[in-house]
Amino acid sequence: MAGMNGQEHGFGNHLLIALPSMCDPNFERSVTLVCQHDGEGAMGVMVNRASEYTVGEILKQMGVSCDDAELRDQKVLSGGPVHPERGFVLHDGETTWDSTLKVGDGLFLTTSRDVLEAMARGNGPPQALVALGCAGWGAGQLEQELVDDSWLLVPNRRDVLFELPLAQRWKAAAGSIGVDLVNHASHSGHA
């Protein structure tokens, strides 16, 4: 494709909102933060779907004790169908962890256990969400899915990640650019 050459991929630190036409049950009504995107593909974490686990259960499995009842009761999110056994911590604050990717200005994704251990001790990042699994796309796949009207791409919003109840995140993320998903007609014809 001419025009794509030399064009920088800029989907990182954006929210992908599944449109009502999305048929994949893994992503139906999902909001996914794109954490990394380049010529080889994209990786993200869903931020609006709870798993059956709590942070306390994950810490217990890791053999880490935690006195913070609020943290123990925090729902672990289902981050996506790829690597469902791996933990991903989306957070603000410092980058002093063993394995951290910078997602955007002051926003990071850490996959090493040291961040969870710090959270359990009470000296973790100020805001964090914990997810199991992630979402992945091969080279050009996400671009094609955007063309196919599977997703709406909007700038990231901190309140969607850290403040709003999970059930409100899908509508709120789309509402940030004035789209009402409930009344969004699916205009892609499937025979």
Protein backbone atom coordinates (compact mmCIF):
# COMPACT_ATOMS: atom_id res chain seq x y z
CA MET A 1 0.00 0.00 0.00
CA ALA A 2 1.56 3.28 -1.06
CA GLY A 3 0.80 6.01 1.50
CA MET A 4 1.54 3.65 4.41
CA ASN A 5 5.30 3.78 3.77
CA GLY A 6 7.12 5.77 6.39
CA GLN A 7 3.87 6.50 8.19
CA GLU A 8 4.30 6.08 11.91
CA HIS A 9 1.92 3.74 13.67
CA GLY A 10 0.12 5.77 16.28
CA PHE A 11 -2.44 3.51 17.95
CA GLY A 12 -0.47 3.07 21.19
CA ASN A 13 -2.13 4.65 24.25
CA HIS A 14 -5.52 4.66 22.50
CA LEU A 15 -8.70 2.87 23.50
CA LEU A 16 -10.22 0.37 21.09
CA ILE A 17 -13.96 0.16 21.55
CA ALA A 18 -15.76 -2.85 20.09
CA LEU A 19 -18.60 -1.66 17.88
CA PRO A 20 -21.98 -3.40 18.09
CA SER A 21 -21.08 -5.16 14.81
CA MET A 22 -18.17 -6.98 16.54
CA CYS A 23 -18.96 -10.70 16.24
CA ASP A 24 -16.02 -12.12 18.21
CA PRO A 25 -17.34 -13.11 21.68
CA ASN A 26 -13.85 -12.49 23.13
CA PHE A 27 -14.23 -8.78 22.37
CA GLU A 28 -17.98 -8.09 22.35
CA ARG A 29 -18.66 -4.75 24.08
CA SER A 30 -15.03 -4.54 25.14
CA VAL A 31 -12.71 -1.60 25.71
CA THR A 32 -9.04 -2.41 25.08
CA LEU A 33 -6.09 -0.15 25.80
CA VAL A 34 -3.55 -0.50 22.98
CA CYS A 35 -0.24 -0.75 24.84
CA GLN A 36 2.09 -1.31 21.91
CA HIS A 37 1.70 -0.97 18.16
CA ASP A 38 4.28 -1.13 15.39
CA GLY A 39 4.83 -2.70 11.99
CA GLU A 40 4.87 -6.18 13.52
CA GLY A 41 1.44 -5.88 15.09
CA ALA A 42 -0.28 -4.66 18.22
CA MET A 43 -0.81 -5.70 21.82
CA GLY A 44 -3.36 -4.44 24.30
CA VAL A 45 -5.24 -5.15 27.51
CA MET A 46 -9.03 -5.18 27.89
CA VAL A 47 -10.03 -2.83 30.71
CA ASN A 48 -13.76 -3.42 31.19
CA ARG A 49 -14.27 -7.13 31.79
CA ALA A 50 -13.86 -8.78 35.19
CA SER A 51 -12.33 -12.23 35.52
CA GLU A 52 -13.51 -14.62 38.24
CA TYR A 53 -10.44 -13.76 40.35
CA THR A 54 -9.59 -11.08 42.88
CA VAL A 55 -6.17 -9.54 43.42
CA GLY A 56 -6.11 -11.27 46.83
CA GLU A 57 -6.44 -14.69 45.18
CA ILE A 58 -3.62 -13.89 42.74
CA LEU A 59 -1.36 -12.68 45.57
CA LYS A 60 -2.15 -15.83 47.57
CA GLN A 61 -1.19 -18.01 44.59
CA MET A 62 2.08 -16.06 44.42
CA GLY A 63 2.67 -16.64 48.13
CA VAL A 64 2.45 -12.92 48.89
CA SER A 65 0.56 -11.74 51.97
CA CYS A 66 -1.48 -8.55 51.85
CA ASP A 67 -3.16 -6.66 54.71
CA ASP A 68 -5.02 -4.23 52.43
CA ALA A 69 -8.61 -5.55 52.26
CA GLU A 70 -9.56 -3.13 49.47
CA LEU A 71 -6.69 -4.35 47.30
CA ARG A 72 -7.44 -8.01 48.11
CA ASP A 73 -11.07 -7.53 47.04
CA GLN A 74 -10.18 -5.69 43.81
CA LYS A 75 -11.37 -7.61 40.75
CA VAL A 76 -8.71 -8.89 38.39
CA LEU A 77 -9.67 -8.04 34.82
CA SER A 78 -9.82 -10.42 31.91
CA GLY A 79 -7.23 -8.72 29.72
CA GLY A 80 -7.71 -10.84 26.63
CA PRO A 81 -7.46 -14.33 25.15
CA VAL A 82 -3.65 -14.35 24.69
CA HIS A 83 -1.49 -15.63 27.61
CA PRO A 84 -4.50 -15.91 30.01
CA GLU A 85 -2.16 -17.25 32.71
CA ARG A 86 0.07 -14.14 32.68
CA GLY A 87 -0.48 -11.09 34.83
CA PHE A 88 -0.41 -7.58 33.39
CA VAL A 89 -0.46 -4.51 35.65
CA LEU A 90 -1.51 -1.23 34.06
CA HIS A 91 -0.42 1.65 36.28
CA ASP A 92 0.80 5.18 36.74
CA GLY A 93 3.68 6.26 38.98
CA GLU A 94 7.23 4.98 38.71
CA THR A 95 8.96 2.76 36.15
CA THR A 96 11.34 1.08 38.57
CA TRP A 97 9.97 -2.43 37.99
CA ASP A 98 11.81 -5.33 36.38
CA SER A 99 9.72 -5.54 33.21
CA THR A 100 7.86 -2.36 32.27
CA LEU A 101 6.64 -0.95 28.98
CA LYS A 102 5.84 2.75 28.67
CA VAL A 103 2.33 3.02 27.20
CA GLY A 104 1.95 6.78 27.28
CA ASP A 105 2.76 9.82 29.35
CA GLY A 106 2.87 8.56 32.95
CA LEU A 107 1.17 5.26 32.05
CA PHE A 108 2.94 1.90 32.13
CA LEU A 109 2.35 -1.82 31.68
CA THR A 110 4.38 -4.07 33.99
CA THR A 111 4.53 -7.86 33.72
CA SER A 112 7.01 -8.63 36.52
CA ARG A 113 5.84 -9.80 39.95
CA ASP A 114 7.74 -7.05 41.81
CA VAL A 115 4.97 -4.51 41.13
CA LEU A 116 2.34 -6.82 42.70
CA GLU A 117 4.62 -7.45 45.70
CA ALA A 118 4.99 -3.68 46.15
CA MET A 119 1.22 -3.19 45.89
CA ALA A 120 0.71 -5.85 48.59
CA ARG A 121 3.19 -4.00 50.86
CA GLY A 122 1.36 -0.73 50.28
CA ASN A 123 4.09 0.97 48.24
CA GLY A 124 2.94 0.18 44.71
CA PRO A 125 1.81 2.66 42.06
CA PRO A 126 -0.90 5.18 43.08
CA GLN A 127 -3.34 3.79 40.48
CA ALA A 128 -3.19 0.27 39.08
CA LEU A 129 -5.38 -2.35 37.51
CA VAL A 130 -4.44 -6.00 37.32
CA ALA A 131 -5.40 -8.16 34.34
CA LEU A 132 -4.84 -11.76 33.30
CA GLY A 133 -4.13 -12.17 29.60
CA CYS A 134 -3.85 -9.69 26.79
CA ALA A 135 -5.03 -9.15 23.23
CA GLY A 136 -2.75 -9.42 20.23
CA TRP A 137 -2.91 -8.62 16.53
CA GLY A 138 -0.51 -9.63 13.76
CA ALA A 139 1.05 -7.18 11.30
CA GLY A 140 -1.69 -5.14 9.59
CA GLN A 141 -4.51 -7.05 11.33
CA LEU A 142 -5.67 -4.24 13.60
CA GLU A 143 -5.57 -1.74 10.72
CA GLN A 144 -7.79 -4.10 8.68
CA GLU A 145 -10.23 -4.59 11.59
CA LEU A 146 -10.54 -0.79 11.88
CA VAL A 147 -11.31 -0.58 8.14
CA ASP A 148 -13.87 -3.37 8.58
CA ASP A 149 -15.76 -1.34 11.22
CA SER A 150 -15.07 -3.73 14.09
CA TRP A 151 -13.57 -1.06 16.33
CA LEU A 152 -13.76 2.59 17.21
CA LEU A 153 -10.37 4.12 18.11
CA VAL A 154 -10.40 6.97 20.65
CA PRO A 155 -7.74 8.75 22.72
CA ASN A 156 -7.07 7.13 26.10
CA ARG A 157 -8.88 8.44 29.17
CA ARG A 158 -7.58 7.86 32.71
CA ASP A 159 -11.08 7.84 34.22
CA VAL A 160 -12.04 4.93 31.95
CA LEU A 161 -8.98 2.99 33.12
CA PHE A 162 -8.99 3.71 36.83
CA GLU A 163 -12.19 5.35 38.04
CA LEU A 164 -15.39 4.34 36.26
CA PRO A 165 -17.21 1.13 37.21
CA LEU A 166 -16.49 -1.64 34.66
CA ALA A 167 -20.09 -1.65 33.39
CA GLN A 168 -19.85 2.05 32.40
CA ARG A 169 -16.52 1.98 30.58
CA TRP A 170 -17.73 0.85 27.14
CA LYS A 171 -20.29 3.66 26.74
CA ALA A 172 -18.11 6.28 28.44
CA ALA A 173 -15.10 5.60 26.21
CA ALA A 174 -17.18 6.07 23.04
CA GLY A 175 -19.00 9.04 24.55
CA SER A 176 -15.66 10.83 24.90
CA ILE A 177 -15.80 11.50 21.15
CA GLY A 178 -19.56 11.93 21.02
CA VAL A 179 -20.56 8.47 19.82
CA ASP A 180 -23.66 6.83 21.28
CA LEU A 181 -22.97 3.11 20.82
CA VAL A 182 -26.48 2.06 21.75
CA ASN A 183 -27.87 3.94 18.76
CA HIS A 184 -24.90 3.17 16.50
CA ALA A 185 -26.38 1.22 13.59
CA SER A 186 -24.25 -1.53 12.19
CA HIS A 187 -23.73 -0.60 8.54
CA SER A 188 -21.51 -3.49 7.52
CA GLY A 189 -23.53 -6.04 5.61
CA HIS A 190 -22.85 -9.68 6.42
CA ALA A 191 -24.36 -12.13 3.95
